[in-house]
Amino acid sequence: MLKFYLSLILLCSIYLSRAQVIAQDISEAKDSIKAAKKAEFVHHIGNGYIPLKYFNLDLRYLVKYNQYEGFRTGLGGTTSNALSDKFRINGYAVYGFKDAQYKYSIGTGLRLNKLHNTWFNASYTDDLQETASTHFLTDKRIFQFFEPRLLNISLFYHHKTKSASLQHDFGPKLNSEIQYSSSEINPKFDYRFITDEGIYTNYNLSMAKVALYWSPFDIYKPTENEHKKTHNGYPKLTLQYTQGFNGPEFGDFSFHKVDFKSTYHFIYNKESHSEIDLVTGIAIGDAPLTHLYHAYPNNINKATIMQRFSVAGLNSFETMYFNEFFSDMFSVVQFKHYFKPFYYSTFSRPQLVLLSRFAIGDMKNKYRHQGIEFDTLDKGYLESGFELNQLIFGFGLSLTYRYGAYHLPELEDNFALKFTFNVTL
C-alpha cells in the first residue's frame, strides 16, 4: 500500500510539473503574440495608420493647417489585407475652413504579381498642391506626426488629376513605378505663363513619369509573406524622369524634367552619426512655375526674429523665406552631424546636432513667369547652425544663420530661432 501511495504522489508531482511547463509555454506564447501584435501596431502608427479590421485609417488627413486653407480636416485610409490582398481601395475627403472648399481623392489597386509586388493603380484627385514642389513616385510612405513647413505655405495650385500607374519591385532593393496623368491646373495666386502660343492663367498638363529607387546595401531576410529588412544600408538613390506632352489630345505644354536625390549616413556608433543629403533637378521646355523647383524654404516674412519663431523642418532652409526663390534647375546639399545625447531620462534626451546647407539654381527665361516677384539661386545660398533636440517631450530648439551672397543687410534678418520636434517610435 505504501508503494502505491508513493507511486501516486510521484505521478501527481510529474503531472503538476508538466502542467507548470505547459502553462509557462502557453504564457510565453501569449506574451510573444502580444509583443508581435504590439510591434505590428507600432509599425502601422509609425507609417501613419490606425489599423482596423478591414480598413486602415490614415492619420495624415485628420488635422493640418496652412495659410491658404486655414485648418484642413477630414478622413482617409485604405483597405487592409484582411479584406483582400489582391486589390485595394484608398481615398480621402477633407475640408478647408478658410477657403471653404472640399477636396478628395479616390483610388484603387490590383495586384498582378505577389513575388515582385506588382500593382496596377488608378486614381482621381481633386485637391491642392504646393507650388514648385516635387514628389518622387517611389518614395516610401513618409509620415510625420507634425509637418512644420505646412503651417506657413501660402502658394498653392488647384488640380483635378486622373492617373494610372504600374509599380514593380525588381527585388527588395530596387523598386520602380511608371505613371501617366492628365491634370487641369488652376494656380491660386496671381500668375501668368507666357509661351510662344500665348498667355496662360489656367492650363492642362499631360505627363508620363518613370521612377527608380535603389538601396544597394540594405539587407533583407526572406519570410513567409515578404522580405523583412534586417539592415538599413546607405546610400539610397532615387531617379525620376518626367515628360510633358502637348497637342489636341494631350496638354498645353511640352517639357522634360530629370530629378535625382540621394542620402548617405556615416554610422559611427549607435548614438552618433552624420548625414549627407543631395537633391537636384532640371526642367527643360515649357514648364510652368507650378511644376518647377523651390529649395524647401521654411521662414515667414516677418519683421523680428521672435515674430518668425515657428517650428523647424527636417530638411528645409530655416532662414530662406517662402516664395523668395524659384528655379528651373537647382541642387541642394545638406550636412548634419548628430552627437551622442548628453543624458537619458523618461522625458528628455538632449542631443546636439550641427548642420549646414547649400543651394544653387538658375532660371533661363524668368520673364515668362509673370505676376509674382522672385529671385533665383545663381549666386549660391548658405546657412549653418545647430539644433538641441528632445530637450523635453520631444521638443528642442534650432538656431540657424544665413550668410554668403544672399546675406541680408539687417543682421537680425539672417537668424532663425525655432522649435524642433522629434519623436521616435
Protein backbone atom coordinates (compact mmCIF):
# COMPACT_ATOMS: atom_id res chain seq x y z
CA MET A 1 0.00 0.00 0.00
CA LEU A 2 2.89 2.36 0.82
CA LYS A 3 4.39 1.75 -2.62
CA PHE A 4 1.04 2.59 -4.20
CA TYR A 5 0.79 5.94 -2.39
CA LEU A 6 4.41 6.76 -3.18
CA SER A 7 3.80 5.97 -6.87
CA LEU A 8 0.65 8.08 -6.85
CA ILE A 9 2.49 11.01 -5.27
CA LEU A 10 5.29 10.66 -7.83
CA LEU A 11 2.82 10.63 -10.74
CA CYS A 12 1.00 13.67 -9.34
CA SER A 13 4.25 15.59 -8.95
CA ILE A 14 5.28 14.71 -12.52
CA TYR A 15 1.85 15.79 -13.77
CA LEU A 16 1.97 19.06 -11.86
CA SER A 17 5.50 19.75 -13.07
CA ARG A 18 4.46 19.06 -16.66
CA ALA A 19 1.36 21.21 -16.23
CA GLN A 20 3.52 24.08 -14.97
CA VAL A 21 5.81 23.74 -18.00
CA ILE A 22 2.81 23.72 -20.37
CA ALA A 23 1.29 26.71 -18.58
CA GLN A 24 4.60 28.55 -18.81
CA ASP A 25 4.86 27.71 -22.53
CA ILE A 26 1.30 28.95 -23.09
CA SER A 27 2.05 32.14 -21.15
CA GLU A 28 5.24 32.73 -23.14
CA ALA A 29 3.37 32.08 -26.39
CA LYS A 30 0.67 34.56 -25.37
CA ASP A 31 3.32 37.13 -24.43
CA SER A 32 5.05 36.54 -27.77
CA ILE A 33 1.76 37.01 -29.65
CA LYS A 34 1.02 40.17 -27.66
CA ALA A 35 4.51 41.53 -28.36
CA ALA A 36 4.15 40.76 -32.07
CA LYS A 37 0.74 42.47 -32.19
CA LYS A 38 2.13 45.47 -30.30
CA ALA A 39 5.11 45.70 -32.67
CA GLU A 40 2.78 45.50 -35.68
CA PHE A 41 0.52 48.20 -34.22
CA VAL A 42 3.51 50.49 -33.56
CA HIS A 43 4.71 49.81 -37.13
CA HIS A 44 1.31 50.87 -38.50
CA ILE A 45 1.28 54.01 -36.33
CA GLY A 46 4.82 54.83 -37.48
CA ASN A 47 3.57 54.64 -41.07
CA GLY A 48 0.64 56.90 -40.24
CA TYR A 49 -2.17 54.34 -39.96
CA ILE A 50 -4.54 53.18 -37.25
CA PRO A 51 -5.22 49.54 -38.19
CA LEU A 52 -8.85 48.47 -38.10
CA LYS A 53 -10.18 45.07 -39.22
CA TYR A 54 -10.85 45.73 -42.90
CA PHE A 55 -9.68 49.33 -43.15
CA ASN A 56 -6.55 51.26 -42.09
CA LEU A 57 -7.36 54.82 -41.03
CA ASP A 58 -4.87 57.33 -42.44
CA LEU A 59 -3.62 59.81 -39.82
CA ARG A 60 -2.31 62.27 -42.44
CA TYR A 61 -5.76 63.69 -43.15
CA LEU A 62 -7.12 64.22 -39.62
CA VAL A 63 -5.86 67.78 -38.97
CA LYS A 64 -3.48 70.09 -40.87
CA TYR A 65 -3.03 73.82 -41.25
CA ASN A 66 -1.69 76.14 -43.97
CA GLN A 67 -2.03 79.81 -44.94
CA TYR A 68 -4.48 79.21 -47.80
CA GLU A 69 -6.91 76.67 -46.33
CA GLY A 70 -6.51 77.50 -42.65
CA PHE A 71 -7.41 74.37 -40.75
CA ARG A 72 -7.85 71.38 -43.03
CA THR A 73 -9.51 68.29 -41.60
CA GLY A 74 -11.01 65.07 -42.90
CA LEU A 75 -10.74 61.29 -43.09
CA GLY A 76 -8.87 58.89 -45.32
CA GLY A 77 -7.44 55.43 -45.49
CA THR A 78 -7.02 52.21 -47.40
CA THR A 79 -8.48 48.73 -47.26
CA SER A 80 -6.38 46.13 -45.44
CA ASN A 81 -5.18 42.66 -46.38
CA ALA A 82 -7.92 41.23 -44.16
CA LEU A 83 -10.41 42.35 -46.81
CA SER A 84 -8.21 41.33 -49.74
CA ASP A 85 -4.51 41.05 -50.55
CA LYS A 86 -5.27 41.11 -54.28
CA PHE A 87 -6.95 44.50 -54.55
CA ARG A 88 -7.22 47.68 -52.50
CA ILE A 89 -9.34 50.80 -52.37
CA ASN A 90 -7.94 54.03 -50.95
CA GLY A 91 -9.04 57.63 -50.69
CA TYR A 92 -9.71 60.65 -48.53
CA ALA A 93 -12.06 63.59 -48.16
CA VAL A 94 -11.06 66.85 -46.42
CA TYR A 95 -12.45 70.33 -45.86
CA GLY A 96 -10.54 73.62 -45.68
CA PHE A 97 -12.20 76.10 -43.32
CA LYS A 98 -10.53 79.24 -44.70
CA ASP A 99 -11.19 78.61 -48.41
CA ALA A 100 -14.46 76.77 -47.59
CA GLN A 101 -13.76 74.02 -50.14
CA TYR A 102 -13.93 70.22 -50.08
CA LYS A 103 -11.08 68.18 -51.58
CA TYR A 104 -10.96 64.46 -52.16
CA SER A 105 -9.26 61.54 -53.85
CA ILE A 106 -10.39 58.02 -54.69
CA GLY A 107 -8.18 55.25 -56.00
CA THR A 108 -7.90 51.52 -56.44
CA GLY A 109 -5.14 48.99 -56.99
CA LEU A 110 -4.99 45.48 -58.44
CA ARG A 111 -2.10 43.18 -57.62
CA LEU A 112 -0.70 41.48 -60.71
CA ASN A 113 2.26 39.65 -59.15
CA LYS A 114 2.87 38.88 -55.47
CA LEU A 115 6.55 37.91 -55.72
CA HIS A 116 7.56 41.27 -57.24
CA ASN A 117 4.85 43.36 -55.55
CA THR A 118 3.47 44.39 -58.94
CA TRP A 119 0.37 46.58 -58.76
CA PHE A 120 -1.73 48.43 -61.30
CA ASN A 121 -3.19 51.60 -59.74
CA ALA A 122 -5.72 54.19 -60.88
CA SER A 123 -6.95 57.31 -59.11
CA TYR A 124 -8.82 60.60 -59.40
CA THR A 125 -7.81 63.56 -57.22
CA ASP A 126 -9.38 66.99 -56.73
CA ASP A 127 -7.08 68.85 -54.34
CA LEU A 128 -4.39 71.49 -53.77
CA GLN A 129 -0.63 71.10 -54.21
CA GLU A 130 2.23 73.33 -53.10
CA THR A 131 3.70 75.33 -55.99
CA ALA A 132 7.10 74.11 -57.24
CA SER A 133 7.12 71.01 -55.02
CA THR A 134 8.49 67.70 -56.32
CA HIS A 135 7.09 64.27 -55.47
CA PHE A 136 9.00 61.10 -56.28
CA LEU A 137 6.73 58.20 -57.25
CA THR A 138 8.88 55.63 -55.49
CA ASP A 139 9.13 57.48 -52.20
CA LYS A 140 8.19 55.16 -49.41
CA ARG A 141 5.26 56.34 -47.39
CA ILE A 142 6.51 59.30 -45.35
CA PHE A 143 4.57 60.23 -42.23
CA GLN A 144 5.33 62.89 -39.64
CA PHE A 145 3.20 63.47 -36.58
CA PHE A 146 3.81 67.16 -37.16
CA GLU A 147 4.80 68.73 -40.51
CA PRO A 148 6.11 72.22 -39.68
CA ARG A 149 6.54 73.54 -43.26
CA LEU A 150 2.82 73.13 -43.91
CA LEU A 151 1.94 75.84 -41.40
CA ASN A 152 3.31 78.73 -43.47
CA ILE A 153 2.84 77.59 -47.09
CA SER A 154 0.70 80.09 -49.00
CA LEU A 155 1.35 79.38 -52.70
CA PHE A 156 -0.83 76.54 -53.99
CA TYR A 157 -2.36 75.39 -57.23
CA HIS A 158 -5.62 73.50 -57.58
CA HIS A 159 -5.56 70.38 -59.70
CA LYS A 160 -8.00 67.78 -60.95
CA THR A 161 -5.89 64.78 -61.86
CA LYS A 162 -6.65 61.40 -63.41
CA SER A 163 -3.74 58.97 -63.21
CA ALA A 164 -2.82 55.34 -63.90
CA SER A 165 0.40 53.72 -62.73
CA LEU A 166 2.26 50.43 -62.59
CA GLN A 167 4.59 49.72 -59.68
CA HIS A 168 7.03 46.80 -59.73
CA ASP A 169 9.86 45.65 -57.46
CA PHE A 170 12.76 44.07 -59.34
CA GLY A 171 13.85 42.99 -55.88
CA PRO A 172 13.60 44.33 -52.33
CA LYS A 173 16.50 46.73 -53.09
CA LEU A 174 15.27 48.05 -56.45
CA ASN A 175 11.74 49.49 -56.82
CA SER A 176 10.17 51.12 -59.86
CA GLU A 177 6.98 52.89 -60.87
CA ILE A 178 5.66 54.39 -64.09
CA GLN A 179 2.68 56.75 -64.24
CA TYR A 180 0.62 58.62 -66.78
CA SER A 181 -1.53 61.52 -65.58
CA SER A 182 -3.79 64.19 -67.00
CA SER A 183 -4.44 67.34 -64.95
CA GLU A 184 -6.41 70.58 -65.02
CA ILE A 185 -4.28 73.22 -63.27
CA ASN A 186 -5.57 76.42 -61.67
CA PRO A 187 -2.93 78.45 -59.74
CA LYS A 188 -4.36 80.02 -56.58
CA PHE A 189 -2.21 83.15 -56.89
CA ASP A 190 -1.63 85.89 -59.44
CA TYR A 191 0.25 84.09 -62.19
CA ARG A 192 0.56 84.25 -65.97
CA PHE A 193 2.75 81.92 -68.01
CA ILE A 194 3.96 83.31 -71.35
CA THR A 195 4.78 80.90 -74.19
CA ASP A 196 5.03 81.16 -77.97
CA GLU A 197 1.40 80.00 -78.11
CA GLY A 198 0.02 82.72 -75.82
CA ILE A 199 -0.50 83.70 -72.19
CA TYR A 200 -1.93 81.11 -69.78
CA THR A 201 -3.53 81.59 -66.38
CA ASN A 202 -5.08 78.10 -66.31
CA TYR A 203 -3.78 75.13 -68.27
CA ASN A 204 -3.91 71.38 -68.83
CA LEU A 205 -0.94 69.07 -68.35
CA SER A 206 -0.40 65.51 -69.55
CA MET A 207 2.67 63.85 -68.07
CA ALA A 208 4.42 60.50 -68.08
CA LYS A 209 6.81 59.67 -65.23
CA VAL A 210 9.32 56.88 -64.69
CA ALA A 211 11.00 56.47 -61.30
CA LEU A 212 13.60 54.11 -59.80
CA TYR A 213 14.58 53.70 -56.14
CA TRP A 214 17.77 51.75 -55.32
CA SER A 215 19.17 50.92 -51.89
CA PRO A 216 22.01 48.52 -52.75
CA PHE A 217 23.34 47.92 -49.24
CA ASP A 218 20.10 47.07 -47.44
CA ILE A 219 19.99 43.50 -46.10
CA TYR A 220 16.75 41.52 -46.18
CA LYS A 221 15.67 38.21 -44.66
CA PRO A 222 13.05 36.22 -46.60
CA THR A 223 9.91 35.42 -44.60
CA GLU A 224 6.71 33.59 -45.45
CA ASN A 225 4.91 36.65 -46.82
CA GLU A 226 7.62 39.23 -47.52
CA HIS A 227 11.26 40.24 -47.29
CA LYS A 228 11.99 41.67 -43.84
CA LYS A 229 14.72 44.33 -43.66
CA THR A 230 17.42 43.43 -41.11
CA HIS A 231 19.97 46.13 -42.01
CA ASN A 232 19.37 49.67 -43.27
CA GLY A 233 22.23 50.39 -45.66
CA TYR A 234 23.40 53.52 -47.48
CA PRO A 235 23.45 55.24 -49.92
CA LYS A 236 19.82 55.39 -51.02
CA LEU A 237 19.31 56.67 -54.57
CA THR A 238 16.18 57.86 -56.41
CA LEU A 239 15.96 58.90 -60.07
CA GLN A 240 12.84 60.20 -61.83
CA TYR A 241 12.15 61.35 -65.38
CA THR A 242 9.06 63.36 -66.37
CA GLN A 243 7.82 64.08 -69.89
CA GLY A 244 5.09 66.64 -70.51
CA PHE A 245 3.09 66.30 -73.73
CA ASN A 246 1.27 68.96 -75.74
CA GLY A 247 -1.24 68.62 -78.52
CA PRO A 248 -5.02 68.42 -79.10
CA GLU A 249 -5.35 65.12 -77.24
CA PHE A 250 -2.83 65.96 -74.53
CA GLY A 251 -1.87 69.07 -72.55
CA ASP A 252 -0.83 72.63 -73.29
CA PHE A 253 2.94 72.33 -72.70
CA SER A 254 5.81 70.08 -73.71
CA PHE A 255 8.72 69.79 -71.29
CA HIS A 256 11.21 67.38 -69.72
CA LYS A 257 12.28 67.04 -66.10
CA VAL A 258 15.01 64.94 -64.52
CA ASP A 259 15.11 64.68 -60.72
CA PHE A 260 17.60 62.88 -58.52
CA LYS A 261 18.15 62.55 -54.79
CA SER A 262 20.45 60.55 -52.57
CA THR A 263 21.14 60.21 -48.88
CA TYR A 264 24.16 58.77 -47.10
CA HIS A 265 24.63 58.10 -43.38
CA PHE A 266 28.02 57.65 -41.74
CA ILE A 267 27.28 55.50 -38.68
CA TYR A 268 29.98 55.83 -36.02
CA ASN A 269 28.08 54.04 -33.25
CA LYS A 270 24.50 53.63 -32.05
CA GLU A 271 24.40 57.17 -30.67
CA SER A 272 26.38 59.28 -33.13
CA HIS A 273 26.22 59.62 -36.90
CA SER A 274 26.43 62.05 -39.82
CA GLU A 275 24.06 62.57 -42.75
CA ILE A 276 24.66 63.98 -46.23
CA ASP A 277 21.62 64.60 -48.48
CA LEU A 278 21.67 65.71 -52.11
CA VAL A 279 18.66 66.76 -54.21
CA THR A 280 18.97 68.06 -57.77
CA GLY A 281 16.63 68.67 -60.69
CA ILE A 282 16.37 70.31 -64.09
CA ALA A 283 13.34 71.26 -66.22
CA ILE A 284 13.70 71.91 -69.96
CA GLY A 285 10.94 73.28 -72.20
CA ASP A 286 7.64 74.99 -71.42
CA ALA A 287 7.36 74.08 -67.73
CA PRO A 288 5.13 76.47 -65.72
CA LEU A 289 6.17 77.76 -62.30
CA THR A 290 3.78 75.34 -60.57
CA HIS A 291 5.96 72.46 -61.79
CA LEU A 292 9.42 73.98 -61.31
CA TYR A 293 11.52 73.99 -58.11
CA HIS A 294 11.87 75.73 -54.80
CA ALA A 295 14.66 74.93 -52.32
CA TYR A 296 12.49 73.88 -49.33
CA PRO A 297 12.12 77.30 -47.63
CA ASN A 298 10.69 77.47 -44.12
CA ASN A 299 10.80 81.11 -42.98
CA ILE A 300 7.91 83.56 -42.81
CA ASN A 301 8.39 87.19 -43.84
CA LYS A 302 8.01 89.00 -40.51
CA ALA A 303 9.96 91.92 -39.05
CA THR A 304 11.67 90.40 -35.99
CA ILE A 305 13.27 87.08 -35.14
CA MET A 306 10.62 86.33 -32.49
CA GLN A 307 7.78 87.08 -34.91
CA ARG A 308 9.34 84.49 -37.23
CA PHE A 309 9.60 81.97 -34.39
CA SER A 310 7.93 78.72 -35.52
CA VAL A 311 8.87 75.06 -35.93
CA ALA A 312 11.93 73.88 -37.87
CA GLY A 313 11.59 71.25 -40.57
CA LEU A 314 13.73 68.17 -41.07
CA ASN A 315 15.43 69.18 -44.34
CA SER A 316 14.30 72.75 -45.01
CA PHE A 317 16.17 76.06 -45.18
CA GLU A 318 15.10 77.77 -41.97
CA THR A 319 16.38 81.25 -42.93
CA MET A 320 15.01 81.19 -46.52
CA TYR A 321 11.67 82.99 -46.90
CA PHE A 322 8.71 81.33 -48.56
CA ASN A 323 8.35 82.25 -52.27
CA GLU A 324 11.75 84.01 -52.23
CA PHE A 325 13.43 81.75 -54.82
CA PHE A 326 12.29 79.60 -57.74
CA SER A 327 14.42 77.76 -60.31
CA ASP A 328 14.18 75.58 -63.37
CA MET A 329 17.46 73.89 -62.38
CA PHE A 330 18.75 73.54 -58.84
CA SER A 331 20.85 71.50 -56.42
CA VAL A 332 20.69 71.28 -52.64
CA VAL A 333 23.30 69.70 -50.36
CA GLN A 334 22.74 69.29 -46.63
CA PHE A 335 25.10 68.03 -43.93
CA LYS A 336 24.14 67.11 -40.36
CA HIS A 337 26.16 65.59 -37.55
CA TYR A 338 24.37 64.05 -34.55
CA PHE A 339 26.38 63.89 -31.31
CA LYS A 340 25.75 61.42 -28.51
CA PRO A 341 22.86 62.59 -26.25
CA PHE A 342 24.03 64.35 -23.10
CA TYR A 343 21.88 62.12 -20.87
CA TYR A 344 18.78 59.94 -20.91
CA SER A 345 15.60 60.29 -18.90
CA THR A 346 11.92 59.42 -19.30
CA PHE A 347 11.01 62.77 -20.83
CA SER A 348 14.33 64.09 -22.10
CA ARG A 349 17.42 63.03 -24.09
CA PRO A 350 19.11 66.28 -25.22
CA GLN A 351 21.17 65.85 -28.38
CA LEU A 352 23.34 68.41 -30.18
CA VAL A 353 23.15 68.46 -33.99
CA LEU A 354 25.43 70.60 -36.15
CA LEU A 355 24.08 71.44 -39.63
CA SER A 356 25.00 73.24 -42.82
CA ARG A 357 23.00 73.66 -46.05
CA PHE A 358 23.87 74.92 -49.53
CA ALA A 359 21.56 75.57 -52.53
CA ILE A 360 22.31 76.78 -56.04
CA GLY A 361 19.99 77.23 -59.03
CA ASP A 362 19.03 79.31 -62.02
CA MET A 363 16.19 80.10 -64.42
CA LYS A 364 16.69 80.66 -68.14
CA ASN A 365 13.55 82.61 -69.02
CA LYS A 366 12.44 84.27 -65.82
CA TYR A 367 10.38 86.89 -67.73
CA ARG A 368 7.94 84.17 -68.85
CA HIS A 369 6.60 83.88 -65.28
CA GLN A 370 4.51 86.99 -64.67
CA GLY A 371 2.52 88.21 -61.65
CA ILE A 372 4.91 87.05 -58.95
CA GLU A 373 8.25 88.51 -57.85
CA PHE A 374 11.07 86.11 -57.00
CA ASP A 375 14.83 85.66 -57.19
CA THR A 376 16.98 82.78 -58.44
CA LEU A 377 19.76 80.91 -56.63
CA ASP A 378 22.52 81.53 -59.16
CA LYS A 379 24.88 83.05 -56.55
CA GLY A 380 24.58 80.15 -54.10
CA TYR A 381 22.68 80.17 -50.79
CA LEU A 382 24.30 79.19 -47.50
CA GLU A 383 23.05 78.67 -43.95
CA SER A 384 24.55 76.91 -40.94
CA GLY A 385 23.58 76.40 -37.33
CA PHE A 386 22.73 73.85 -34.69
CA GLU A 387 19.83 72.06 -33.04
CA LEU A 388 19.34 70.98 -29.44
CA ASN A 389 16.75 68.26 -29.91
CA GLN A 390 14.47 66.46 -27.45
CA LEU A 391 15.07 68.77 -24.51
CA ILE A 392 11.67 67.77 -23.12
CA PHE A 393 8.76 65.72 -24.50
CA GLY A 394 10.39 65.63 -27.96
CA PHE A 395 10.71 69.44 -28.19
CA GLY A 396 14.00 71.25 -28.73
CA LEU A 397 15.47 74.43 -30.21
CA SER A 398 17.12 75.34 -33.51
CA LEU A 399 19.27 78.36 -34.41
CA THR A 400 20.48 78.94 -37.99
CA TYR A 401 22.34 81.78 -39.69
CA ARG A 402 22.16 82.94 -43.34
CA TYR A 403 25.45 84.07 -44.90
CA GLY A 404 27.22 84.40 -48.24
CA ALA A 405 25.86 86.07 -51.39
CA TYR A 406 22.27 86.27 -50.09
CA HIS A 407 23.18 87.71 -46.68
CA LEU A 408 20.61 90.40 -45.76
CA PRO A 409 21.53 93.99 -44.75
CA GLU A 410 19.84 93.80 -41.32
CA LEU A 411 21.81 91.34 -39.17
CA GLU A 412 18.73 90.09 -37.28
CA ASP A 413 17.03 89.09 -40.56
CA ASN A 414 19.73 86.47 -41.16
CA PHE A 415 18.91 84.49 -37.99
CA ALA A 416 16.14 81.94 -37.50
CA LEU A 417 15.29 80.69 -34.00
CA LYS A 418 12.74 77.85 -33.93
CA PHE A 419 11.34 74.86 -32.10
CA THR A 420 12.27 71.37 -33.19
CA PHE A 421 10.08 68.34 -32.60
CA ASN A 422 11.35 64.77 -32.83
CA VAL A 423 9.54 61.60 -31.82
CA THR A 424 10.86 58.08 -32.43
CA LEU A 425 8.56 55.06 -32.15
